[in-house]
N, C-alpha and C. Protein backbone atom coordinates (compact mmCIF):
# COMPACT_ATOMS: atom_id res chain seq x y z
N MET A 1 -3.95 12.37 -1.62
CA MET A 1 -3.59 11.22 -1.80
C MET A 1 -3.36 10.88 -3.52
N LYS A 2 -2.39 10.58 -4.08
CA LYS A 2 -2.35 10.52 -5.41
C LYS A 2 -2.43 8.92 -5.78
N TYR A 3 -3.39 8.38 -6.60
CA TYR A 3 -3.54 6.92 -6.80
C TYR A 3 -3.33 6.75 -8.01
N GLY A 4 -3.27 7.78 -9.16
CA GLY A 4 -3.10 7.11 -10.57
C GLY A 4 -2.61 8.32 -11.30
N SER A 5 -2.38 8.37 -12.56
CA SER A 5 -1.73 9.37 -13.31
C SER A 5 -2.18 9.27 -14.73
N VAL A 6 -2.26 10.54 -15.57
CA VAL A 6 -3.08 10.58 -16.84
C VAL A 6 -1.76 11.04 -17.52
N THR A 7 -1.77 10.12 -18.72
CA THR A 7 -0.56 10.68 -19.39
C THR A 7 -1.03 10.46 -21.10
N GLN A 8 -0.26 11.17 -21.88
CA GLN A 8 -0.40 10.85 -23.39
C GLN A 8 -0.06 9.59 -23.97
N VAL A 9 -0.45 9.11 -24.79
CA VAL A 9 -0.13 7.54 -25.63
C VAL A 9 0.50 8.28 -26.87
N HIS A 10 1.85 8.11 -26.64
CA HIS A 10 2.35 8.59 -28.18
C HIS A 10 2.89 7.44 -29.16
N ALA A 11 2.53 7.91 -30.09
CA ALA A 11 2.91 6.88 -31.24
C ALA A 11 4.47 6.76 -31.50
N ARG A 12 4.67 5.85 -32.49
CA ARG A 12 5.82 5.15 -32.84
C ARG A 12 6.37 6.71 -33.62
N ASN A 13 5.82 7.10 -34.58
CA ASN A 13 6.14 8.24 -35.21
C ASN A 13 6.22 9.58 -34.67
N CYS A 14 6.19 9.75 -33.34
CA CYS A 14 6.21 10.89 -32.72
C CYS A 14 7.61 11.29 -32.92
N PRO A 15 8.08 12.62 -32.96
CA PRO A 15 9.50 12.81 -32.93
C PRO A 15 10.22 12.78 -31.52
N ARG A 16 11.43 12.28 -32.06
CA ARG A 16 12.45 11.96 -30.74
C ARG A 16 13.51 12.77 -30.92
N ASN A 17 14.15 12.70 -29.71
CA ASN A 17 15.54 13.58 -29.22
C ASN A 17 16.64 12.49 -29.80
N GLN A 18 17.92 12.90 -30.03
CA GLN A 18 18.80 11.97 -30.35
C GLN A 18 19.12 11.00 -29.03
N ASP A 19 18.60 11.23 -27.90
CA ASP A 19 18.70 10.32 -26.70
C ASP A 19 17.49 9.47 -26.64
N GLY A 20 16.53 9.65 -27.89
CA GLY A 20 15.29 8.59 -27.32
C GLY A 20 13.96 9.13 -26.70
N SER A 21 14.58 10.57 -26.19
CA SER A 21 13.32 10.79 -25.48
C SER A 21 12.39 11.53 -26.36
N LEU A 22 11.16 11.84 -25.83
CA LEU A 22 10.14 12.57 -26.90
C LEU A 22 10.64 14.23 -27.04
N ALA A 23 10.70 14.62 -28.30
CA ALA A 23 11.17 15.98 -28.71
C ALA A 23 9.44 16.62 -28.46
N PRO A 24 9.78 17.79 -28.24
CA PRO A 24 8.31 18.97 -28.17
C PRO A 24 7.87 18.58 -29.28
N HIS A 25 6.27 18.49 -29.22
CA HIS A 25 5.43 18.41 -30.51
C HIS A 25 3.91 18.40 -29.90
N ARG A 26 3.22 18.81 -31.22
CA ARG A 26 1.75 18.95 -30.77
C ARG A 26 1.27 17.70 -31.26
N CYS A 27 1.33 16.56 -30.23
CA CYS A 27 0.58 15.34 -30.39
C CYS A 27 -0.69 15.17 -30.54
N ARG A 28 -1.23 14.39 -31.41
CA ARG A 28 -2.81 14.25 -31.60
C ARG A 28 -3.01 12.80 -31.33
N THR A 29 -2.06 12.08 -30.61
CA THR A 29 -2.88 10.92 -29.91
C THR A 29 -3.76 10.84 -28.94
N SER A 30 -4.05 9.73 -28.54
CA SER A 30 -5.24 9.76 -27.40
C SER A 30 -4.29 9.80 -25.97
N TRP A 31 -5.38 9.57 -24.92
CA TRP A 31 -4.80 10.00 -23.61
C TRP A 31 -5.09 8.73 -22.66
N ARG A 32 -4.19 8.19 -21.57
CA ARG A 32 -4.71 7.09 -20.87
C ARG A 32 -4.57 7.35 -19.40
N TYR A 33 -5.30 6.66 -18.41
CA TYR A 33 -4.69 6.73 -16.97
C TYR A 33 -4.27 5.28 -16.67
N VAL A 34 -3.68 5.39 -15.45
CA VAL A 34 -2.92 4.39 -14.86
C VAL A 34 -3.35 4.48 -13.61
N LEU A 35 -3.99 3.30 -13.05
CA LEU A 35 -4.61 3.58 -11.54
C LEU A 35 -3.88 2.60 -10.89
N GLU A 36 -3.13 2.99 -9.49
CA GLU A 36 -2.36 1.75 -8.75
C GLU A 36 -2.86 1.64 -7.78
N TYR A 37 -3.29 0.58 -7.41
CA TYR A 37 -4.37 0.13 -6.37
C TYR A 37 -3.86 -0.62 -5.18
N GLY A 38 -2.43 -0.72 -5.12
CA GLY A 38 -1.73 -1.46 -3.98
C GLY A 38 -0.77 -2.37 -4.78
N ARG A 39 -0.49 -3.39 -3.86
CA ARG A 39 0.57 -4.24 -4.02
C ARG A 39 0.12 -5.77 -3.95
N ASP A 40 0.60 -6.57 -4.54
CA ASP A 40 0.26 -8.22 -4.16
C ASP A 40 1.15 -8.65 -3.41
N GLY A 41 1.11 -10.00 -2.91
CA GLY A 41 1.53 -10.70 -1.97
C GLY A 41 3.16 -10.77 -2.11
N SER A 42 3.53 -10.66 -3.54
CA SER A 42 4.99 -10.64 -3.61
C SER A 42 5.57 -9.30 -3.67
N GLY A 43 4.84 -8.01 -3.56
CA GLY A 43 5.37 -6.88 -3.27
C GLY A 43 5.17 -6.22 -4.88
N ARG A 44 4.62 -6.94 -6.08
CA ARG A 44 4.34 -6.14 -7.38
C ARG A 44 3.32 -5.35 -7.25
N ARG A 45 3.50 -4.17 -7.93
CA ARG A 45 2.30 -3.16 -7.96
C ARG A 45 1.25 -3.61 -8.79
N LEU A 46 0.24 -3.34 -8.31
CA LEU A 46 -1.26 -3.88 -8.94
C LEU A 46 -1.67 -2.50 -9.99
N GLN A 47 -1.97 -2.79 -10.71
CA GLN A 47 -2.01 -1.31 -11.88
C GLN A 47 -3.41 -1.62 -12.85
N LYS A 48 -3.95 -0.83 -13.01
CA LYS A 48 -5.19 -0.91 -14.02
C LYS A 48 -5.20 0.22 -15.01
N THR A 49 -5.02 0.20 -16.50
CA THR A 49 -4.50 0.97 -17.17
C THR A 49 -5.71 0.92 -18.34
N LYS A 50 -6.52 2.30 -18.80
CA LYS A 50 -7.12 2.42 -19.72
C LYS A 50 -6.93 3.51 -20.46
N ALA A 51 -6.77 3.14 -21.96
CA ALA A 51 -6.32 4.21 -22.68
C ALA A 51 -7.43 4.54 -23.90
N GLY A 52 -7.37 5.34 -24.78
CA GLY A 52 -8.33 5.74 -26.03
C GLY A 52 -9.54 6.83 -25.27
N PHE A 53 -8.80 8.09 -24.50
CA PHE A 53 -9.47 8.88 -24.36
C PHE A 53 -8.96 10.01 -25.31
N PRO A 54 -9.98 11.14 -25.71
CA PRO A 54 -9.68 11.96 -26.63
C PRO A 54 -8.84 13.15 -26.11
N THR A 55 -9.20 13.53 -24.80
CA THR A 55 -8.51 14.38 -24.23
C THR A 55 -8.05 14.07 -22.59
N ARG A 56 -7.15 14.94 -22.26
CA ARG A 56 -6.62 14.80 -20.89
C ARG A 56 -7.79 14.94 -19.71
N ALA A 57 -8.64 15.74 -19.95
CA ALA A 57 -9.88 16.26 -19.13
C ALA A 57 -10.62 14.74 -18.99
N ALA A 58 -11.07 14.10 -20.03
CA ALA A 58 -11.73 13.03 -20.33
C ALA A 58 -11.10 11.50 -19.55
N ALA A 59 -9.72 11.63 -19.85
CA ALA A 59 -9.04 10.49 -18.95
C ALA A 59 -9.01 11.01 -17.46
N GLN A 60 -8.97 12.00 -17.00
CA GLN A 60 -9.02 12.67 -15.65
C GLN A 60 -10.13 12.16 -15.17
N GLU A 61 -11.19 12.55 -15.72
CA GLU A 61 -12.63 12.10 -15.19
C GLU A 61 -12.92 11.02 -15.16
N ALA A 62 -12.39 10.09 -16.30
CA ALA A 62 -12.93 8.54 -16.06
C ALA A 62 -11.93 7.82 -14.95
N LEU A 63 -10.68 8.23 -14.65
CA LEU A 63 -9.76 8.02 -13.35
C LEU A 63 -10.62 8.33 -12.19
N GLN A 64 -11.08 9.34 -12.12
CA GLN A 64 -11.65 10.10 -10.74
C GLN A 64 -13.02 9.16 -10.71
N GLU A 65 -14.08 8.57 -11.58
CA GLU A 65 -14.78 7.96 -11.69
C GLU A 65 -14.24 6.52 -11.10
N VAL A 66 -13.43 5.92 -11.86
CA VAL A 66 -13.11 4.61 -11.15
C VAL A 66 -12.43 4.80 -9.63
N VAL A 67 -11.69 5.70 -9.37
CA VAL A 67 -11.39 5.88 -8.04
C VAL A 67 -12.63 5.79 -6.96
N ARG A 68 -13.61 6.73 -7.41
CA ARG A 68 -15.09 6.81 -6.60
C ARG A 68 -15.96 5.36 -6.63
N ARG A 69 -15.81 4.76 -7.83
CA ARG A 69 -16.43 3.38 -7.77
C ARG A 69 -15.82 2.34 -6.95
N LEU A 70 -14.84 2.58 -6.79
CA LEU A 70 -13.81 1.41 -6.37
C LEU A 70 -13.56 1.68 -4.50
N GLY A 71 -14.13 2.94 -4.26
CA GLY A 71 -13.75 3.54 -2.84
C GLY A 71 -12.48 3.64 -2.33
N ILE A 72 -11.45 3.97 -3.25
CA ILE A 72 -10.16 4.14 -3.02
C ILE A 72 -10.10 5.50 -2.29
N GLY A 73 -9.30 5.49 -1.14
CA GLY A 73 -9.05 6.76 -0.46
C GLY A 73 -10.08 6.99 0.70
N THR A 74 -11.24 6.58 0.50
CA THR A 74 -12.33 6.65 1.73
C THR A 74 -11.73 5.60 2.88
N THR A 75 -11.30 4.28 2.49
CA THR A 75 -11.01 3.56 3.42
C THR A 75 -9.90 3.88 4.35
N VAL A 76 -8.67 4.46 3.45
CA VAL A 76 -7.61 4.79 3.88
C VAL A 76 -7.62 5.87 5.04
N HIS A 77 -8.88 6.62 5.09
CA HIS A 77 -8.83 7.61 6.06
C HIS A 77 -9.83 6.83 7.43
N THR A 78 -10.47 5.87 7.28
CA THR A 78 -11.09 5.02 8.30
C THR A 78 -10.55 3.69 8.79
N MET A 79 -9.80 3.48 7.84
CA MET A 79 -9.29 1.96 8.36
C MET A 79 -8.34 1.80 9.60
N THR A 80 -8.30 0.99 10.48
CA THR A 80 -7.51 1.00 11.44
C THR A 80 -6.36 -0.03 11.45
N VAL A 81 -5.38 -0.02 12.17
CA VAL A 81 -4.17 -0.89 12.09
C VAL A 81 -4.66 -2.37 11.70
N ALA A 82 -5.64 -2.59 13.10
CA ALA A 82 -6.03 -4.09 12.91
C ALA A 82 -6.85 -4.54 11.69
N GLN A 83 -7.57 -3.49 10.96
CA GLN A 83 -8.33 -4.00 9.91
C GLN A 83 -7.12 -4.17 8.69
N TYR A 84 -6.08 -3.26 8.81
CA TYR A 84 -4.92 -3.29 7.68
C TYR A 84 -4.11 -4.70 7.72
N LEU A 85 -3.84 -4.87 9.01
CA LEU A 85 -2.97 -6.37 9.35
C LEU A 85 -3.73 -7.35 9.14
N HIS A 86 -5.13 -7.24 8.98
CA HIS A 86 -5.97 -8.66 8.70
C HIS A 86 -5.68 -8.64 7.33
N ASP A 87 -6.01 -7.47 6.36
CA ASP A 87 -5.95 -7.56 5.12
C ASP A 87 -4.81 -7.72 4.63
N TRP A 88 -3.57 -7.31 5.15
CA TRP A 88 -2.53 -7.79 4.92
C TRP A 88 -1.89 -9.14 4.97
N LEU A 89 -2.35 -9.54 6.03
CA LEU A 89 -2.28 -11.14 6.38
C LEU A 89 -3.01 -11.72 5.25
N GLN A 90 -3.96 -11.47 4.76
CA GLN A 90 -4.87 -12.19 3.91
C GLN A 90 -4.06 -12.41 2.53
N GLY A 91 -3.39 -11.30 2.26
CA GLY A 91 -2.59 -11.16 1.00
C GLY A 91 -1.08 -11.96 0.95
N LYS A 92 -0.72 -12.62 1.75
CA LYS A 92 0.64 -12.96 2.14
C LYS A 92 0.32 -14.69 1.21
N HIS A 93 0.22 -14.94 0.33
CA HIS A 93 -0.13 -16.14 -0.40
C HIS A 93 1.30 -16.74 -0.76
N ALA A 94 2.32 -15.93 -0.84
CA ALA A 94 3.81 -16.21 -1.51
C ALA A 94 4.48 -16.91 -0.37
N LEU A 95 3.94 -16.78 1.10
CA LEU A 95 4.89 -17.36 1.89
C LEU A 95 4.37 -18.59 2.70
N LYS A 96 5.38 -19.15 3.06
CA LYS A 96 5.10 -20.85 3.71
C LYS A 96 4.11 -20.37 5.08
N PRO A 97 3.30 -21.51 5.13
CA PRO A 97 2.25 -21.48 6.07
C PRO A 97 2.66 -21.44 7.58
N LYS A 98 4.01 -21.63 7.92
CA LYS A 98 4.34 -21.25 9.44
C LYS A 98 4.83 -20.03 9.30
N THR A 99 5.24 -19.27 8.37
CA THR A 99 5.57 -17.64 8.28
C THR A 99 4.45 -16.99 8.69
N VAL A 100 3.34 -17.33 7.82
CA VAL A 100 1.99 -16.82 7.88
C VAL A 100 1.41 -17.09 9.30
N ALA A 101 1.50 -18.06 9.77
CA ALA A 101 1.06 -18.27 11.01
C ALA A 101 1.91 -17.55 12.32
N LEU A 102 3.22 -17.44 12.14
CA LEU A 102 3.83 -16.43 12.82
C LEU A 102 3.50 -15.04 13.04
N TYR A 103 3.21 -14.58 11.62
CA TYR A 103 2.98 -12.99 11.66
C TYR A 103 1.67 -13.34 12.38
N GLN A 104 0.70 -14.26 11.91
CA GLN A 104 -0.78 -13.95 12.61
C GLN A 104 -0.93 -14.11 13.89
N ASP A 105 0.16 -14.86 14.83
CA ASP A 105 0.48 -14.74 16.45
C ASP A 105 1.08 -13.39 16.76
N LEU A 106 2.12 -12.72 15.88
CA LEU A 106 2.73 -11.67 16.52
C LEU A 106 1.55 -10.27 16.18
N ALA A 107 0.70 -10.77 15.26
CA ALA A 107 -0.16 -9.52 15.20
C ALA A 107 -1.53 -9.50 16.42
N ALA A 108 -1.58 -10.80 16.51
CA ALA A 108 -2.73 -11.16 17.45
C ALA A 108 -2.27 -10.79 19.01
N ASN A 109 -1.37 -11.17 19.18
CA ASN A 109 -0.57 -11.09 20.88
C ASN A 109 0.16 -9.57 21.10
N TYR A 110 0.74 -8.81 20.02
CA TYR A 110 1.22 -7.55 20.33
C TYR A 110 0.91 -6.54 19.71
N LEU A 111 0.73 -6.61 18.34
CA LEU A 111 0.30 -5.41 17.49
C LEU A 111 -0.97 -4.92 17.53
N ILE A 112 -2.05 -6.16 17.57
CA ILE A 112 -3.50 -5.63 17.47
C ILE A 112 -3.93 -5.15 19.09
N PRO A 113 -3.34 -5.35 20.02
CA PRO A 113 -4.02 -5.43 21.17
C PRO A 113 -3.42 -3.76 21.59
N HIS A 114 -2.29 -3.35 20.77
CA HIS A 114 -1.33 -1.96 21.35
C HIS A 114 -1.81 -1.11 20.27
N LEU A 115 -2.04 -1.61 18.91
CA LEU A 115 -2.08 -0.75 17.95
C LEU A 115 -3.49 -0.83 17.22
N GLY A 116 -3.92 -1.64 17.28
CA GLY A 116 -5.43 -2.25 16.53
C GLY A 116 -6.38 -1.10 16.48
N GLY A 117 -6.67 -0.42 17.56
CA GLY A 117 -7.56 0.53 17.49
C GLY A 117 -7.29 2.03 16.66
N ILE A 118 -5.99 2.21 16.43
CA ILE A 118 -5.60 3.64 15.78
C ILE A 118 -6.07 3.32 14.27
N ARG A 119 -6.44 4.75 13.88
CA ARG A 119 -6.42 4.46 12.44
C ARG A 119 -4.90 4.79 11.63
N LEU A 120 -4.85 4.11 10.62
CA LEU A 120 -3.62 4.24 9.61
C LEU A 120 -3.05 5.62 9.72
N LEU A 121 -3.74 6.62 9.20
CA LEU A 121 -3.64 8.02 9.06
C LEU A 121 -2.89 8.63 10.37
N GLU A 122 -3.18 8.16 11.45
CA GLU A 122 -3.27 8.81 12.63
C GLU A 122 -1.76 7.72 13.53
N LEU A 123 -1.40 6.98 13.06
CA LEU A 123 -0.28 6.04 13.53
C LEU A 123 0.99 6.74 13.40
N ARG A 124 1.83 7.03 14.37
CA ARG A 124 2.77 7.62 14.69
C ARG A 124 3.86 6.89 15.37
N ALA A 125 5.10 7.18 15.14
CA ALA A 125 6.12 6.60 15.91
C ALA A 125 6.08 6.54 17.57
N ALA A 126 5.49 7.61 17.92
CA ALA A 126 5.42 7.31 19.22
C ALA A 126 4.40 6.20 19.85
N HIS A 127 3.27 5.96 18.69
CA HIS A 127 2.70 4.53 19.30
C HIS A 127 3.43 3.47 19.15
N LEU A 128 4.46 3.18 18.24
CA LEU A 128 5.27 2.10 18.12
C LEU A 128 6.03 2.06 19.26
N ASP A 129 6.85 3.00 19.74
CA ASP A 129 7.56 2.98 20.84
C ASP A 129 6.79 2.72 22.04
N ALA A 130 5.54 3.04 22.28
CA ALA A 130 4.98 2.79 23.29
C ALA A 130 4.43 1.23 23.38
N MET A 131 4.00 0.79 22.15
CA MET A 131 3.82 -0.83 21.66
C MET A 131 4.99 -1.63 22.29
N TYR A 132 6.20 -1.19 21.80
CA TYR A 132 7.44 -1.76 22.13
C TYR A 132 7.75 -1.92 23.84
N ALA A 133 7.58 -0.62 24.10
CA ALA A 133 8.03 -0.67 25.75
C ALA A 133 6.86 -1.56 26.56
N ALA A 134 5.72 -1.79 26.00
CA ALA A 134 4.58 -2.60 26.52
C ALA A 134 4.84 -3.86 26.47
N ILE A 135 5.32 -4.47 25.41
CA ILE A 135 5.44 -5.64 24.81
C ILE A 135 6.74 -6.42 25.64
N THR A 136 7.83 -5.55 26.39
CA THR A 136 8.52 -6.24 26.74
C THR A 136 8.47 -7.13 27.99
N VAL A 137 6.91 -7.06 28.44
CA VAL A 137 6.87 -8.15 29.59
C VAL A 137 5.61 -8.89 28.66
N GLY A 138 5.65 -10.14 28.71
CA GLY A 138 4.57 -10.82 27.78
C GLY A 138 3.16 -10.88 28.55
N LYS A 139 2.46 -11.62 28.08
CA LYS A 139 0.83 -11.70 28.70
C LYS A 139 1.37 -12.78 30.15
N SER A 140 2.13 -13.70 30.01
CA SER A 140 2.55 -14.27 31.34
C SER A 140 3.36 -13.75 32.59
N GLY A 141 3.73 -12.46 32.21
CA GLY A 141 4.13 -11.72 33.16
C GLY A 141 5.99 -11.76 33.27
N ARG A 142 6.15 -12.53 32.29
CA ARG A 142 7.89 -12.82 32.25
C ARG A 142 8.20 -11.61 31.04
N VAL A 143 9.48 -11.33 30.89
CA VAL A 143 10.14 -10.70 30.13
C VAL A 143 10.13 -11.18 28.61
N LEU A 144 9.72 -10.88 27.81
CA LEU A 144 9.90 -11.58 26.26
C LEU A 144 11.38 -11.59 25.92
N SER A 145 11.63 -12.69 25.26
CA SER A 145 13.10 -12.81 24.59
C SER A 145 13.48 -11.78 23.73
N PRO A 146 14.60 -11.44 23.51
CA PRO A 146 15.12 -10.52 22.45
C PRO A 146 14.44 -10.78 20.97
N SER A 147 14.52 -12.21 20.80
CA SER A 147 14.06 -12.45 19.38
C SER A 147 12.92 -12.20 19.22
N THR A 148 12.08 -12.73 20.15
CA THR A 148 10.35 -12.16 19.81
C THR A 148 10.35 -10.56 19.88
N ILE A 149 10.53 -10.07 20.57
CA ILE A 149 10.71 -8.30 20.25
C ILE A 149 11.29 -7.88 19.12
N SER A 150 12.62 -8.64 18.61
CA SER A 150 12.90 -8.10 17.48
C SER A 150 12.13 -8.69 16.44
N LEU A 151 11.29 -9.85 16.20
CA LEU A 151 10.11 -10.58 15.25
C LEU A 151 9.01 -9.36 15.42
N ALA A 152 8.74 -8.88 16.43
CA ALA A 152 7.66 -7.84 16.26
C ALA A 152 8.12 -6.55 15.58
N ARG A 153 9.19 -6.25 15.86
CA ARG A 153 9.57 -5.09 15.28
C ARG A 153 9.92 -5.54 13.73
N SER A 154 9.98 -6.44 13.21
CA SER A 154 10.36 -6.84 11.70
C SER A 154 9.63 -5.79 10.81
N PRO A 155 10.67 -5.56 9.77
CA PRO A 155 10.06 -4.67 9.04
C PRO A 155 8.81 -5.71 7.80
N ASN A 156 8.96 -6.83 8.29
CA ASN A 156 7.59 -7.33 7.54
C ASN A 156 6.38 -7.41 8.32
N VAL A 157 6.34 -7.10 9.47
CA VAL A 157 5.17 -6.79 10.24
C VAL A 157 4.74 -5.55 10.57
N THR A 158 5.64 -4.72 10.92
CA THR A 158 5.33 -3.62 11.38
C THR A 158 5.64 -2.14 10.60
N ARG A 159 6.62 -2.68 9.57
CA ARG A 159 6.72 -1.65 8.29
C ARG A 159 5.41 -1.25 7.64
N HIS A 160 4.66 -2.08 7.45
CA HIS A 160 3.48 -2.03 6.81
C HIS A 160 2.49 -1.24 7.53
N ALA A 161 2.69 -1.45 8.78
CA ALA A 161 1.72 -0.67 9.64
C ALA A 161 1.87 0.67 9.89
N ALA A 162 3.13 1.00 9.62
CA ALA A 162 3.79 2.44 9.91
C ALA A 162 3.74 3.23 8.89
């Protein structure tokens, strides 16, 4: 899985084509890495950039060290849907409190009991289909309303789990 990229930092005086793109040349500028480590509550990418490396290899090595140090990639292999939903809900600062409470209830009552123990990398559409089939009857034994089932299917709740 790719978490970052290594690129060369070009100077203003690097030769350009007529369309403004870089022309082929032997650039002697530094290298940088850009590490993407998720999204914030409003959906913007979270990135860390560091430049000033003399070679591509040095920038790549520094990027790999940061990935190792932060533990990025290892948690994806072991994280369950329940852990992910908990972390995802903790990051929802831009939402109204009632919306967060609704998402927490949907996660606690429907998503986590049926999907919580599954590792994120193992989650498949069949798991979601089985959950939807199981939640048509609520905890009280009555059939859930179409709007509750629709909310549980909401892209805001289940898109991030799938």
